[in-house]
Amino acid sequence: MPRTPRIEPSGEVVARVASSSLALPDAYEEDAWTGVRWRVRNKTFAHVLVAQEGYTSAYRDMTGVAEPTTVLTFRSSGDELLALSHAGPPFYKPPWSPAAVGMVLDGDTDWDEVAELVTESYRFCAPQRLRRQLER
């Protein structure tokens, strides 16, 4: 039986995350094995993909949701990581990294919150010299 083709995130979702991500110093966008990711140096600070049946997915494994779901993964630390890890929907805690957080992106998404979370994730991943540029 042939494998179901990958579903890519919508252009609108990618554009919304890109508008916050690419405004950050030395950030760049690239296609990932699925979806799109934003990086600083060689570290991914945001990744948008569609969790779907037939492919490994922390979101699907944790929730059991079978329908294709667009998710954003990002990095966090400290009290924010603890709060987001226990907040419940739309957030979830992927098991593959102690600093990773996932978030479902849908019609109820607060895009201002996404911009803040992406910026904080960038701060987590960026070298100190680039982080200082955000404080100017």
N, C-alpha and C. Protein backbone atom coordinates (compact mmCIF):
# COMPACT_ATOMS: atom_id res chain seq x y z
N MET A 1 0.85 -1.18 0.00
CA MET A 1 0.00 0.00 0.00
C MET A 1 0.89 1.25 0.00
N PRO A 2 0.67 2.17 -0.95
CA PRO A 2 1.50 3.38 -1.01
C PRO A 2 1.26 4.29 0.19
N ARG A 3 2.29 4.98 0.58
CA ARG A 3 2.22 5.90 1.71
C ARG A 3 1.45 7.15 1.32
N THR A 4 0.65 7.66 2.23
CA THR A 4 -0.09 8.90 2.02
C THR A 4 0.91 10.05 1.86
N PRO A 5 0.74 10.89 0.84
CA PRO A 5 1.67 12.01 0.68
C PRO A 5 1.60 12.97 1.87
N ARG A 6 2.73 13.58 2.16
CA ARG A 6 2.80 14.57 3.22
C ARG A 6 1.93 15.77 2.89
N ILE A 7 1.25 16.27 3.89
CA ILE A 7 0.50 17.52 3.77
C ILE A 7 1.41 18.62 4.31
N GLU A 8 1.58 19.67 3.55
CA GLU A 8 2.41 20.79 3.99
C GLU A 8 1.52 21.86 4.63
N PRO A 9 2.06 22.64 5.56
CA PRO A 9 1.28 23.71 6.17
C PRO A 9 0.85 24.75 5.14
N SER A 10 -0.24 25.42 5.40
CA SER A 10 -0.75 26.41 4.46
C SER A 10 0.22 27.58 4.32
N GLY A 11 0.21 28.18 3.15
CA GLY A 11 1.04 29.35 2.90
C GLY A 11 0.75 30.49 3.85
N GLU A 12 -0.51 30.63 4.24
CA GLU A 12 -0.89 31.71 5.17
C GLU A 12 -0.24 31.50 6.54
N VAL A 13 -0.27 30.26 7.04
CA VAL A 13 0.34 29.97 8.34
C VAL A 13 1.84 30.20 8.27
N VAL A 14 2.48 29.69 7.23
CA VAL A 14 3.93 29.87 7.07
C VAL A 14 4.26 31.36 7.01
N ALA A 15 3.49 32.13 6.27
CA ALA A 15 3.75 33.57 6.15
C ALA A 15 3.61 34.28 7.49
N ARG A 16 2.64 33.87 8.30
CA ARG A 16 2.44 34.52 9.60
C ARG A 16 3.60 34.24 10.54
N VAL A 17 4.06 32.99 10.58
CA VAL A 17 5.20 32.66 11.43
C VAL A 17 6.46 33.32 10.88
N ALA A 18 6.60 33.32 9.56
CA ALA A 18 7.78 33.93 8.92
C ALA A 18 7.88 35.41 9.23
N SER A 19 6.76 36.10 9.29
CA SER A 19 6.81 37.55 9.53
C SER A 19 7.46 37.86 10.88
N SER A 20 7.22 37.04 11.88
CA SER A 20 7.86 37.22 13.19
C SER A 20 9.28 36.70 13.18
N SER A 21 9.47 35.54 12.59
CA SER A 21 10.78 34.87 12.63
C SER A 21 11.85 35.62 11.85
N LEU A 22 11.51 36.04 10.65
CA LEU A 22 12.52 36.65 9.78
C LEU A 22 12.85 38.09 10.18
N ALA A 23 12.09 38.66 11.11
CA ALA A 23 12.39 39.99 11.63
C ALA A 23 13.52 39.95 12.66
N LEU A 24 13.94 38.74 13.04
CA LEU A 24 14.97 38.57 14.07
C LEU A 24 16.36 38.53 13.43
N PRO A 25 17.37 39.06 14.10
CA PRO A 25 18.72 39.15 13.53
C PRO A 25 19.28 37.79 13.08
N ASP A 26 19.74 37.73 11.84
CA ASP A 26 20.39 36.56 11.25
C ASP A 26 19.49 35.32 11.17
N ALA A 27 18.20 35.49 11.34
CA ALA A 27 17.29 34.35 11.22
C ALA A 27 17.07 34.04 9.74
N TYR A 28 16.88 32.77 9.45
CA TYR A 28 16.60 32.37 8.07
C TYR A 28 15.59 31.23 8.06
N GLU A 29 14.96 31.07 6.91
CA GLU A 29 13.91 30.07 6.72
C GLU A 29 14.44 28.98 5.79
N GLU A 30 14.02 27.75 6.07
CA GLU A 30 14.36 26.67 5.15
C GLU A 30 13.30 25.58 5.23
N ASP A 31 13.20 24.83 4.14
CA ASP A 31 12.32 23.68 4.14
C ASP A 31 12.93 22.63 5.06
N ALA A 32 12.07 22.00 5.85
CA ALA A 32 12.51 20.91 6.73
C ALA A 32 12.10 19.59 6.08
N TRP A 33 12.35 18.48 6.74
CA TRP A 33 11.94 17.18 6.20
C TRP A 33 10.44 17.15 5.98
N THR A 34 9.75 17.95 6.76
CA THR A 34 8.34 18.24 6.53
C THR A 34 8.08 19.63 7.08
N GLY A 35 7.30 20.38 6.39
CA GLY A 35 7.02 21.74 6.85
C GLY A 35 8.19 22.69 6.61
N VAL A 36 8.17 23.78 7.36
CA VAL A 36 9.15 24.85 7.23
C VAL A 36 9.70 25.16 8.61
N ARG A 37 11.00 25.44 8.66
CA ARG A 37 11.59 25.80 9.94
C ARG A 37 12.38 27.10 9.80
N TRP A 38 12.55 27.76 10.96
CA TRP A 38 13.32 29.00 11.04
C TRP A 38 14.46 28.74 11.98
N ARG A 39 15.65 29.22 11.57
CA ARG A 39 16.87 28.91 12.30
C ARG A 39 17.71 30.16 12.52
N VAL A 40 18.56 30.07 13.52
CA VAL A 40 19.61 31.05 13.75
C VAL A 40 20.87 30.22 13.94
N ARG A 41 21.86 30.53 13.12
CA ARG A 41 23.05 29.67 13.01
C ARG A 41 22.55 28.28 12.62
N ASN A 42 22.85 27.25 13.37
CA ASN A 42 22.36 25.92 13.00
C ASN A 42 21.28 25.41 13.94
N LYS A 43 20.66 26.32 14.67
CA LYS A 43 19.66 25.92 15.67
C LYS A 43 18.26 26.31 15.21
N THR A 44 17.36 25.36 15.24
CA THR A 44 15.97 25.63 14.89
C THR A 44 15.25 26.24 16.07
N PHE A 45 14.63 27.41 15.85
CA PHE A 45 13.87 28.04 16.93
C PHE A 45 12.36 28.01 16.66
N ALA A 46 11.94 27.64 15.48
CA ALA A 46 10.51 27.49 15.18
C ALA A 46 10.37 26.53 14.00
N HIS A 47 9.34 25.68 14.06
CA HIS A 47 9.10 24.70 12.99
C HIS A 47 7.60 24.50 12.88
N VAL A 48 7.07 24.73 11.69
CA VAL A 48 5.64 24.52 11.42
C VAL A 48 5.51 23.31 10.53
N LEU A 49 4.62 22.40 10.91
CA LEU A 49 4.38 21.19 10.13
C LEU A 49 2.95 20.74 10.35
N VAL A 50 2.55 19.77 9.55
CA VAL A 50 1.22 19.17 9.71
C VAL A 50 1.41 17.78 10.28
N ALA A 51 0.86 17.56 11.47
CA ALA A 51 0.84 16.22 12.08
C ALA A 51 -0.29 15.46 11.39
N GLN A 52 0.06 14.30 10.82
CA GLN A 52 -0.95 13.56 10.07
C GLN A 52 -0.73 12.06 10.22
N GLU A 53 -1.79 11.35 9.95
CA GLU A 53 -1.76 9.90 10.03
C GLU A 53 -0.75 9.33 9.04
N GLY A 54 -0.05 8.28 9.46
CA GLY A 54 0.93 7.63 8.60
C GLY A 54 2.35 8.12 8.79
N TYR A 55 2.53 9.14 9.63
CA TYR A 55 3.85 9.69 9.90
C TYR A 55 4.02 9.87 11.41
N THR A 56 5.23 9.65 11.88
CA THR A 56 5.51 9.83 13.30
C THR A 56 5.24 11.27 13.70
N SER A 57 4.59 11.46 14.82
CA SER A 57 4.26 12.80 15.28
C SER A 57 4.05 12.79 16.79
N ALA A 58 4.80 13.61 17.51
CA ALA A 58 4.62 13.71 18.95
C ALA A 58 3.20 14.17 19.27
N TYR A 59 2.67 15.09 18.47
CA TYR A 59 1.31 15.58 18.72
C TYR A 59 0.30 14.45 18.59
N ARG A 60 0.36 13.71 17.50
CA ARG A 60 -0.59 12.60 17.29
C ARG A 60 -0.41 11.52 18.35
N ASP A 61 0.84 11.20 18.68
CA ASP A 61 1.10 10.17 19.69
C ASP A 61 0.52 10.56 21.04
N MET A 62 0.62 11.83 21.39
CA MET A 62 0.17 12.28 22.71
C MET A 62 -1.34 12.48 22.78
N THR A 63 -1.94 12.93 21.69
CA THR A 63 -3.36 13.28 21.73
C THR A 63 -4.26 12.22 21.11
N GLY A 64 -3.72 11.43 20.20
CA GLY A 64 -4.54 10.46 19.48
C GLY A 64 -5.38 11.10 18.38
N VAL A 65 -5.20 12.40 18.14
CA VAL A 65 -5.96 13.09 17.10
C VAL A 65 -5.50 12.56 15.74
N ALA A 66 -6.45 12.06 14.94
CA ALA A 66 -6.10 11.46 13.66
C ALA A 66 -6.14 12.45 12.50
N GLU A 67 -7.01 13.45 12.57
CA GLU A 67 -7.10 14.38 11.43
C GLU A 67 -5.85 15.25 11.35
N PRO A 68 -5.47 15.64 10.14
CA PRO A 68 -4.29 16.49 9.98
C PRO A 68 -4.41 17.77 10.81
N THR A 69 -3.34 18.08 11.55
CA THR A 69 -3.34 19.21 12.47
C THR A 69 -2.05 19.99 12.28
N THR A 70 -2.16 21.29 12.04
CA THR A 70 -0.98 22.13 11.89
C THR A 70 -0.46 22.49 13.27
N VAL A 71 0.85 22.26 13.47
CA VAL A 71 1.47 22.55 14.76
C VAL A 71 2.74 23.36 14.56
N LEU A 72 3.07 24.11 15.60
CA LEU A 72 4.30 24.87 15.69
C LEU A 72 5.10 24.28 16.85
N THR A 73 6.37 23.97 16.63
CA THR A 73 7.23 23.61 17.75
C THR A 73 8.26 24.72 17.91
N PHE A 74 8.62 24.97 19.15
CA PHE A 74 9.56 26.04 19.48
C PHE A 74 10.25 25.68 20.79
N ARG A 75 11.20 26.50 21.21
CA ARG A 75 11.97 26.26 22.43
C ARG A 75 11.52 27.23 23.53
N SER A 76 11.67 26.77 24.75
CA SER A 76 11.33 27.60 25.89
C SER A 76 12.21 27.19 27.06
N SER A 77 12.16 27.97 28.14
CA SER A 77 12.96 27.64 29.32
C SER A 77 12.29 28.23 30.56
N GLY A 78 12.78 27.80 31.70
CA GLY A 78 12.36 28.37 32.98
C GLY A 78 10.87 28.25 33.26
N ASP A 79 10.33 29.30 33.88
CA ASP A 79 8.92 29.30 34.27
C ASP A 79 7.99 29.21 33.08
N GLU A 80 8.38 29.83 31.95
CA GLU A 80 7.54 29.78 30.75
C GLU A 80 7.43 28.35 30.25
N LEU A 81 8.54 27.62 30.22
CA LEU A 81 8.52 26.22 29.79
C LEU A 81 7.62 25.41 30.70
N LEU A 82 7.75 25.59 31.98
CA LEU A 82 6.93 24.86 32.94
C LEU A 82 5.45 25.17 32.74
N ALA A 83 5.12 26.44 32.59
CA ALA A 83 3.72 26.84 32.41
C ALA A 83 3.14 26.29 31.10
N LEU A 84 3.87 26.43 30.00
CA LEU A 84 3.37 25.96 28.71
C LEU A 84 3.26 24.44 28.67
N SER A 85 4.19 23.76 29.32
CA SER A 85 4.18 22.29 29.34
C SER A 85 2.96 21.73 30.05
N HIS A 86 2.40 22.51 30.96
CA HIS A 86 1.24 22.06 31.74
C HIS A 86 -0.05 22.80 31.41
N ALA A 87 -0.01 23.67 30.40
CA ALA A 87 -1.17 24.51 30.09
C ALA A 87 -2.32 23.75 29.45
N GLY A 88 -2.02 22.66 28.76
CA GLY A 88 -3.07 21.97 28.01
C GLY A 88 -3.30 22.66 26.68
N PRO A 89 -4.33 22.21 25.94
CA PRO A 89 -4.57 22.75 24.59
C PRO A 89 -4.64 24.28 24.59
N PRO A 90 -4.00 24.88 23.59
CA PRO A 90 -3.44 24.33 22.36
C PRO A 90 -1.98 23.86 22.50
N PHE A 91 -1.43 23.86 23.73
CA PHE A 91 -0.03 23.50 23.93
C PHE A 91 0.12 22.02 24.27
N TYR A 92 1.28 21.48 23.95
CA TYR A 92 1.63 20.12 24.34
C TYR A 92 3.14 20.04 24.49
N LYS A 93 3.63 19.01 25.16
CA LYS A 93 5.06 18.87 25.45
C LYS A 93 5.63 17.68 24.68
N PRO A 94 6.32 17.94 23.55
CA PRO A 94 6.95 16.84 22.83
C PRO A 94 8.03 16.18 23.70
N PRO A 95 8.15 14.88 23.63
CA PRO A 95 9.13 14.18 24.48
C PRO A 95 10.56 14.22 23.95
N TRP A 96 10.77 14.70 22.72
CA TRP A 96 12.08 14.59 22.09
C TRP A 96 13.10 15.63 22.53
N SER A 97 12.70 16.63 23.28
CA SER A 97 13.65 17.63 23.78
C SER A 97 13.12 18.23 25.08
N PRO A 98 13.98 18.37 26.08
CA PRO A 98 13.49 18.96 27.34
C PRO A 98 13.08 20.42 27.21
N ALA A 99 13.53 21.11 26.16
CA ALA A 99 13.21 22.53 25.98
C ALA A 99 12.14 22.77 24.93
N ALA A 100 11.61 21.72 24.32
CA ALA A 100 10.63 21.89 23.23
C ALA A 100 9.20 22.01 23.77
N VAL A 101 8.44 22.84 23.07
CA VAL A 101 7.01 22.98 23.32
C VAL A 101 6.32 22.96 21.97
N GLY A 102 5.14 22.39 21.91
CA GLY A 102 4.34 22.40 20.70
C GLY A 102 3.06 23.17 20.92
N MET A 103 2.52 23.68 19.82
CA MET A 103 1.29 24.47 19.87
C MET A 103 0.49 24.21 18.61
N VAL A 104 -0.79 23.91 18.76
CA VAL A 104 -1.67 23.75 17.61
C VAL A 104 -1.97 25.14 17.05
N LEU A 105 -1.87 25.26 15.72
CA LEU A 105 -2.22 26.50 15.04
C LEU A 105 -3.53 26.27 14.31
N ASP A 106 -4.55 27.03 14.68
CA ASP A 106 -5.87 26.87 14.07
C ASP A 106 -6.60 28.21 14.05
N GLY A 107 -7.88 28.19 13.82
CA GLY A 107 -8.67 29.42 13.73
C GLY A 107 -8.71 30.21 15.02
N ASP A 108 -8.36 29.60 16.16
CA ASP A 108 -8.37 30.29 17.45
C ASP A 108 -6.99 30.79 17.87
N THR A 109 -6.00 30.64 17.02
CA THR A 109 -4.63 31.01 17.38
C THR A 109 -4.51 32.51 17.61
N ASP A 110 -3.84 32.86 18.69
CA ASP A 110 -3.50 34.25 19.01
C ASP A 110 -2.13 34.52 18.37
N TRP A 111 -2.12 35.20 17.24
CA TRP A 111 -0.88 35.40 16.49
C TRP A 111 0.09 36.33 17.19
N ASP A 112 -0.40 37.21 18.04
CA ASP A 112 0.51 38.04 18.85
C ASP A 112 1.28 37.15 19.84
N GLU A 113 0.57 36.18 20.41
CA GLU A 113 1.22 35.24 21.32
C GLU A 113 2.26 34.40 20.56
N VAL A 114 1.92 33.96 19.36
CA VAL A 114 2.87 33.20 18.54
C VAL A 114 4.13 34.03 18.31
N ALA A 115 3.98 35.30 17.97
CA ALA A 115 5.14 36.17 17.74
C ALA A 115 6.01 36.26 18.99
N GLU A 116 5.40 36.39 20.16
CA GLU A 116 6.15 36.45 21.41
C GLU A 116 6.88 35.14 21.70
N LEU A 117 6.20 34.01 21.47
CA LEU A 117 6.80 32.71 21.74
C LEU A 117 7.95 32.43 20.78
N VAL A 118 7.79 32.81 19.52
CA VAL A 118 8.85 32.62 18.53
C VAL A 118 10.06 33.49 18.90
N THR A 119 9.82 34.71 19.34
CA THR A 119 10.91 35.60 19.74
C THR A 119 11.64 35.04 20.96
N GLU A 120 10.91 34.53 21.93
CA GLU A 120 11.55 33.94 23.11
C GLU A 120 12.33 32.68 22.74
N SER A 121 11.82 31.90 21.80
CA SER A 121 12.52 30.72 21.34
C SER A 121 13.83 31.11 20.65
N TYR A 122 13.76 32.17 19.86
CA TYR A 122 14.97 32.70 19.22
C TYR A 122 16.00 33.09 20.28
N ARG A 123 15.55 33.79 21.33
CA ARG A 123 16.46 34.18 22.41
C ARG A 123 17.13 32.95 23.03
N PHE A 124 16.38 31.87 23.15
CA PHE A 124 16.90 30.62 23.72
C PHE A 124 18.01 30.05 22.83
N CYS A 125 17.86 30.16 21.52
CA CYS A 125 18.77 29.52 20.56
C CYS A 125 19.90 30.41 20.06
N ALA A 126 19.70 31.71 20.05
CA ALA A 126 20.67 32.62 19.44
C ALA A 126 21.88 32.86 20.33
N PRO A 127 23.02 33.14 19.71
CA PRO A 127 24.19 33.52 20.51
C PRO A 127 23.95 34.88 21.19
N GLN A 128 24.69 35.11 22.25
CA GLN A 128 24.51 36.30 23.07
C GLN A 128 24.59 37.59 22.24
N ARG A 129 25.51 37.66 21.30
CA ARG A 129 25.67 38.87 20.49
C ARG A 129 24.38 39.21 19.75
N LEU A 130 23.70 38.20 19.22
CA LEU A 130 22.44 38.45 18.51
C LEU A 130 21.29 38.76 19.47
N ARG A 131 21.28 38.10 20.62
CA ARG A 131 20.25 38.40 21.63
C ARG A 131 20.32 39.85 22.07
N ARG A 132 21.55 40.36 22.20
CA ARG A 132 21.72 41.77 22.62
C ARG A 132 21.12 42.73 21.60
N GLN A 133 21.12 42.36 20.32
CA GLN A 133 20.55 43.23 19.29
C GLN A 133 19.05 43.42 19.49
N LEU A 134 18.40 42.48 20.12
CA LEU A 134 16.95 42.61 20.38
C LEU A 134 16.66 43.62 21.47
N GLU A 135 17.65 43.88 22.30
CA GLU A 135 17.45 44.79 23.44
C GLU A 135 17.65 46.24 23.07
N ARG A 136 18.10 46.50 21.87
CA ARG A 136 18.36 47.89 21.46
C ARG A 136 17.09 48.61 21.13
